[in-house]
């Protein structure tokens, strides 16, 4: 059986990160005990941080044309900020 772990972060904290972002920005400030455990057991496959909410875009294809718009913009304090695959 395989799992995909979605990691939630504080939206304001992610939006406050400076550009360019490295994949370790959030990891420098926070501890992820589940990740340490997965890596210690040798079952972690991959994972990464996602772009902050301010960079969100929606991509749609209509009548063969690709339309890219800003958003979606959700009124929430937490966002999916990354993922891990054990």
Protein backbone atom coordinates (compact mmCIF):
# COMPACT_ATOMS: atom_id res chain seq x y z
CA UNK A 1 0.00 0.00 0.00
CA UNK A 2 1.23 3.51 -0.82
CA UNK A 3 0.36 6.77 0.88
CA UNK A 4 0.52 10.45 -0.03
CA UNK A 5 0.86 12.73 2.98
CA UNK A 6 -0.35 16.31 2.46
CA UNK A 7 1.43 18.76 4.74
CA UNK A 8 -0.49 21.83 5.92
CA UNK A 9 1.21 25.10 6.81
CA UNK A 10 0.18 28.53 7.94
CA UNK A 11 -0.84 30.47 4.79
CA UNK A 12 0.46 33.82 6.07
CA UNK A 13 3.82 32.29 6.98
CA UNK A 14 4.16 30.76 3.51
CA UNK A 15 3.20 34.03 1.81
CA UNK A 16 5.81 35.86 3.91
CA UNK A 17 8.68 33.73 2.53
CA UNK A 18 11.10 35.63 0.35
CA UNK A 19 11.86 34.82 -3.30
CA UNK A 20 13.58 32.85 -4.65
CA UNK A 21 12.37 30.04 -2.48
CA UNK A 22 14.43 27.01 -1.70
CA UNK A 23 12.78 23.74 -0.85
CA UNK A 24 14.26 23.98 2.67
CA UNK A 25 12.84 27.37 3.77
CA UNK A 26 10.04 25.98 5.95
CA UNK A 27 12.14 23.05 7.14
CA UNK A 28 14.70 25.48 8.59
CA UNK A 29 12.08 26.92 10.96
CA UNK A 30 10.02 23.85 11.80
CA UNK A 31 10.58 20.29 12.91
CA UNK A 32 8.76 17.48 11.12
CA UNK A 33 8.82 14.44 13.44
CA UNK A 34 6.95 12.21 10.97
CA UNK A 35 9.54 12.97 8.29
CA UNK A 36 12.42 12.18 10.65
CA UNK A 37 10.70 8.88 11.51
CA UNK A 38 10.07 7.94 7.85
CA UNK A 39 13.67 8.71 6.92
CA UNK A 40 15.08 6.81 9.92
CA UNK A 41 13.04 3.75 8.93
CA UNK A 42 14.24 4.05 5.32
CA UNK A 43 10.72 4.23 3.85
CA UNK A 44 10.58 7.89 2.76
CA UNK A 45 10.48 8.11 -1.06
CA UNK A 46 10.14 11.81 -1.87
CA UNK A 47 8.56 15.07 -0.78
CA UNK A 48 8.78 18.80 -1.34
CA UNK A 49 7.37 22.16 -0.36
CA UNK A 50 4.79 23.73 -2.66
CA UNK A 51 4.78 27.35 -3.82
CA UNK A 52 3.08 29.82 -1.45
CA UNK A 53 -0.62 30.68 -1.93
CA UNK A 54 0.21 34.10 -3.43
CA UNK A 55 1.60 32.28 -6.47
CA UNK A 56 -1.51 30.12 -7.02
CA UNK A 57 -2.84 29.90 -10.58
CA UNK A 58 -5.79 28.12 -12.16
CA UNK A 59 -5.25 26.55 -15.58
CA UNK A 60 -8.25 25.71 -17.79
CA UNK A 61 -8.51 24.58 -21.38
CA UNK A 62 -11.59 25.86 -23.25
CA UNK A 63 -12.14 25.23 -26.96
CA UNK A 64 -8.50 24.19 -27.29
CA UNK A 65 -7.20 27.42 -25.71
CA UNK A 66 -5.29 27.44 -22.43
CA UNK A 67 -6.47 30.07 -19.94
CA UNK A 68 -4.34 30.88 -16.88
CA UNK A 69 -5.82 33.08 -14.15
CA UNK A 70 -4.65 34.13 -10.70
CA UNK A 71 -6.09 32.13 -7.83
CA UNK A 72 -8.00 30.35 -6.49
CA UNK A 73 -7.90 32.45 -3.37
CA UNK A 74 -9.36 30.62 -0.41
CA UNK A 75 -10.25 32.35 2.84
CA UNK A 76 -8.27 30.03 5.08
CA UNK A 77 -5.47 30.14 7.60
CA UNK A 78 -3.91 26.85 6.54
CA UNK A 79 -2.98 25.63 3.08
CA UNK A 80 -1.47 22.48 1.60
CA UNK A 81 2.16 23.50 1.74
CA UNK A 82 3.89 20.32 0.72
CA UNK A 83 3.77 16.56 0.39
CA UNK A 84 5.65 13.43 1.38
CA UNK A 85 5.47 9.95 -0.13
CA UNK A 86 6.54 7.11 2.20
